[in-house]
C-alpha atoms as a PDB file:
ATOM      1  CA  UNK A   1      31.621 -10.321  13.132  1.00  0.00           C
ATOM      2  CA  UNK A   2      29.013  -8.036  14.061  1.00  0.00           C
ATOM      3  CA  UNK A   3      29.211  -4.818  11.632  1.00  0.00           C
ATOM      4  CA  UNK A   4      27.094  -2.705  13.934  1.00  0.00           C
ATOM      5  CA  UNK A   5      28.717  -3.256  17.141  1.00  0.00           C
ATOM      6  CA  UNK A   6      31.954  -3.836  15.793  1.00  0.00           C
ATOM      7  CA  UNK A   7      32.291  -7.266  18.205  1.00  0.00           C
ATOM      8  CA  UNK A   8      33.181 -10.843  16.800  1.00  0.00           C
ATOM      9  CA  UNK A   9      29.949 -13.261  18.019  1.00  0.00           C
ATOM     10  CA  UNK A  10      30.836 -16.691  18.843  1.00  0.00           C
ATOM     11  CA  UNK A  11      29.474 -19.562  16.541  1.00  0.00           C
ATOM     12  CA  UNK A  12      26.914 -21.365  18.378  1.00  0.00           C
ATOM     13  CA  UNK A  13      27.502 -24.941  19.444  1.00  0.00           C
ATOM     14  CA  UNK A  14      25.610 -27.860  17.683  1.00  0.00           C
ATOM     15  CA  UNK A  15      23.872 -27.953  21.471  1.00  0.00           C
ATOM     16  CA  UNK A  16      22.691 -24.395  21.157  1.00  0.00           C
ATOM     17  CA  UNK A  17      21.600 -24.636  17.817  1.00  0.00           C
ATOM     18  CA  UNK A  18      20.018 -27.906  18.313  1.00  0.00           C
ATOM     19  CA  UNK A  19      18.110 -26.160  21.089  1.00  0.00           C
ATOM     20  CA  UNK A  20      17.124 -23.378  19.386  1.00  0.00           C
ATOM     21  CA  UNK A  21      15.925 -25.485  16.682  1.00  0.00           C
ATOM     22  CA  UNK A  22      13.518 -26.958  19.370  1.00  0.00           C
ATOM     23  CA  UNK A  23      12.615 -23.853  20.835  1.00  0.00           C
ATOM     24  CA  UNK A  24      11.465 -22.518  17.345  1.00  0.00           C
ATOM     25  CA  UNK A  25       9.591 -25.736  16.756  1.00  0.00           C
ATOM     26  CA  UNK A  26       7.763 -25.156  20.255  1.00  0.00           C
ATOM     27  CA  UNK A  27       6.938 -21.670  18.902  1.00  0.00           C
ATOM     28  CA  UNK A  28       3.796 -22.211  17.042  1.00  0.00           C
ATOM     29  CA  UNK A  29       0.385 -22.265  18.758  1.00  0.00           C
ATOM     30  CA  UNK A  30      -0.756 -25.194  16.569  1.00  0.00           C
ATOM     31  CA  UNK A  31       2.439 -27.384  17.220  1.00  0.00           C
ATOM     32  CA  UNK A  32       2.322 -26.691  21.129  1.00  0.00           C
ATOM     33  CA  UNK A  33      -1.685 -27.910  20.492  1.00  0.00           C
ATOM     34  CA  UNK A  34      -0.549 -30.869  18.473  1.00  0.00           C
ATOM     35  CA  UNK A  35       2.136 -31.950  21.108  1.00  0.00           C
ATOM     36  CA  UNK A  36      -0.345 -31.763  24.113  1.00  0.00           C
ATOM     37  CA  UNK A  37      -2.568 -33.907  21.800  1.00  0.00           C
ATOM     38  CA  UNK A  38      -0.096 -36.695  21.040  1.00  0.00           C
ATOM     39  CA  UNK A  39       1.053 -36.669  24.586  1.00  0.00           C
ATOM     40  CA  UNK A  40      -2.591 -37.713  25.706  1.00  0.00           C
ATOM     41  CA  UNK A  41      -2.055 -41.493  24.127  1.00  0.00           C
ATOM     42  CA  UNK A  42       0.901 -43.841  23.182  1.00  0.00           C
ATOM     43  CA  UNK A  43       0.830 -42.804  19.278  1.00  0.00           C
ATOM     44  CA  UNK A  44      -1.447 -40.987  16.827  1.00  0.00           C
ATOM     45  CA  UNK A  45      -1.930 -40.597  12.993  1.00  0.00           C
ATOM     46  CA  UNK A  46      -2.514 -37.429  11.550  1.00  0.00           C
ATOM     47  CA  UNK A  47      -6.156 -37.829  10.742  1.00  0.00           C
ATOM     48  CA  UNK A  48      -6.316 -38.197  14.553  1.00  0.00           C
ATOM     49  CA  UNK A  49      -4.911 -35.031  15.343  1.00  0.00           C
ATOM     50  CA  UNK A  50      -6.673 -33.048  12.594  1.00  0.00           C
ATOM     51  CA  UNK A  51      -9.771 -34.375  13.853  1.00  0.00           C
ATOM     52  CA  UNK A  52      -8.686 -32.725  17.088  1.00  0.00           C
ATOM     53  CA  UNK A  53      -7.596 -29.576  15.873  1.00  0.00           C
ATOM     54  CA  UNK A  54      -9.634 -27.910  13.391  1.00  0.00           C
ATOM     55  CA  UNK A  55      -6.882 -27.263  10.957  1.00  0.00           C
ATOM     56  CA  UNK A  56      -6.719 -28.910   7.298  1.00  0.00           C
ATOM     57  CA  UNK A  57      -4.507 -32.090   7.194  1.00  0.00           C
ATOM     58  CA  UNK A  58      -1.813 -30.844   4.916  1.00  0.00           C
ATOM     59  CA  UNK A  59      -1.409 -28.080   7.850  1.00  0.00           C
ATOM     60  CA  UNK A  60      -1.289 -30.776  10.477  1.00  0.00           C
ATOM     61  CA  UNK A  61       1.357 -32.828   8.677  1.00  0.00           C
ATOM     62  CA  UNK A  62       3.573 -29.569   8.052  1.00  0.00           C
ATOM     63  CA  UNK A  63       3.294 -29.144  11.739  1.00  0.00           C
ATOM     64  CA  UNK A  64       3.820 -32.835  12.136  1.00  0.00           C
ATOM     65  CA  UNK A  65       7.127 -32.363  10.295  1.00  0.00           C
ATOM     66  CA  UNK A  66       8.573 -29.616  12.023  1.00  0.00           C
ATOM     67  CA  UNK A  67       8.275 -31.593  15.183  1.00  0.00           C
ATOM     68  CA  UNK A  68      10.001 -34.463  13.910  1.00  0.00           C
ATOM     69  CA  UNK A  69      12.975 -32.676  12.222  1.00  0.00           C
ATOM     70  CA  UNK A  70      13.155 -30.547  15.583  1.00  0.00           C
ATOM     71  CA  UNK A  71      13.540 -34.541  17.228  1.00  0.00           C
ATOM     72  CA  UNK A  72      10.676 -33.786  19.827  1.00  0.00           C
ATOM     73  CA  UNK A  73       8.324 -36.617  18.171  1.00  0.00           C
ATOM     74  CA  UNK A  74       9.195 -39.420  16.691  1.00  0.00           C
ATOM     75  CA  UNK A  75       7.547 -40.859  13.286  1.00  0.00           C
ATOM     76  CA  UNK A  76       7.129 -44.652  12.236  1.00  0.00           C
ATOM     77  CA  UNK A  77       5.032 -45.711   9.193  1.00  0.00           C
ATOM     78  CA  UNK A  78       2.806 -48.369   9.687  1.00  0.00           C
ATOM     79  CA  UNK A  79       1.494 -49.477   6.318  1.00  0.00           C
ATOM     80  CA  UNK A  80      -0.612 -46.675   4.744  1.00  0.00           C
ATOM     81  CA  UNK A  81      -0.485 -44.670   7.975  1.00  0.00           C
ATOM     82  CA  UNK A  82       2.097 -42.847   9.983  1.00  0.00           C
ATOM     83  CA  UNK A  83       2.025 -42.733  13.669  1.00  0.00           C
ATOM     84  CA  UNK A  84       3.235 -39.968  15.821  1.00  0.00           C
ATOM     85  CA  UNK A  85       4.620 -40.156  19.427  1.00  0.00           C
ATOM     86  CA  UNK A  86       6.028 -37.547  21.805  1.00  0.00           C
ATOM     87  CA  UNK A  87       9.509 -38.063  22.176  1.00  0.00           C
ATOM     88  CA  UNK A  88       9.300 -37.601  25.772  1.00  0.00           C
ATOM     89  CA  UNK A  89      13.043 -38.131  26.672  1.00  0.00           C
ATOM     90  CA  UNK A  90      14.161 -35.213  24.126  1.00  0.00           C
ATOM     91  CA  UNK A  91      11.083 -33.219  25.758  1.00  0.00           C
ATOM     92  CA  UNK A  92      12.679 -33.798  29.260  1.00  0.00           C
ATOM     93  CA  UNK A  93      16.338 -32.767  27.757  1.00  0.00           C
ATOM     94  CA  UNK A  94      14.882 -29.941  26.509  1.00  0.00           C
ATOM     95  CA  UNK A  95      13.248 -28.961  29.528  1.00  0.00           C
ATOM     96  CA  UNK A  96      16.818 -29.254  31.594  1.00  0.00           C
ATOM     97  CA  UNK A  97      18.640 -26.893  28.909  1.00  0.00           C
ATOM     98  CA  UNK A  98      15.813 -24.389  29.190  1.00  0.00           C
ATOM     99  CA  UNK A  99      16.300 -24.186  33.186  1.00  0.00           C
ATOM    100  CA  UNK A 100      20.198 -24.647  32.936  1.00  0.00           C
ATOM    101  CA  UNK A 101      19.659 -21.486  30.509  1.00  0.00           C
ATOM    102  CA  UNK A 102      17.606 -19.419  32.632  1.00  0.00           C
ATOM    103  CA  UNK A 103      19.269 -20.059  35.848  1.00  0.00           C
ATOM    104  CA  UNK A 104      22.466 -18.816  34.227  1.00  0.00           C
ATOM    105  CA  UNK A 105      20.661 -15.205  33.333  1.00  0.00           C
ATOM    106  CA  UNK A 106      19.619 -14.727  36.918  1.00  0.00           C
ATOM    107  CA  UNK A 107      21.241 -11.908  38.375  1.00  0.00           C
ATOM    108  CA  UNK A 108      24.450 -12.412  40.533  1.00  0.00           C
ATOM    109  CA  UNK A 109      25.285 -15.674  38.719  1.00  0.00           C
END
């Protein structure tokens, strides 16, 4: 219950929570730049991203972790290195979901 308004708020669906997590992952400028960089190649290791973006490796690693946890980037261990790739299907699905949300919020719908 929303104590201030005195109304009951519905519990968001799993789909809505997943969409919110993806949007939250995209809400940081560094993560957007990392995603753009990853999209330009088939896969990258963290060091390659660090050379492109002026951030410490630990910071890039943390941002990559957020993107992986949100399901927007895939992670694969390759020996001592980790490879990251954009999950293009997940981004396409998020794009469709966001378009549906925007459409549902238009006046007169």
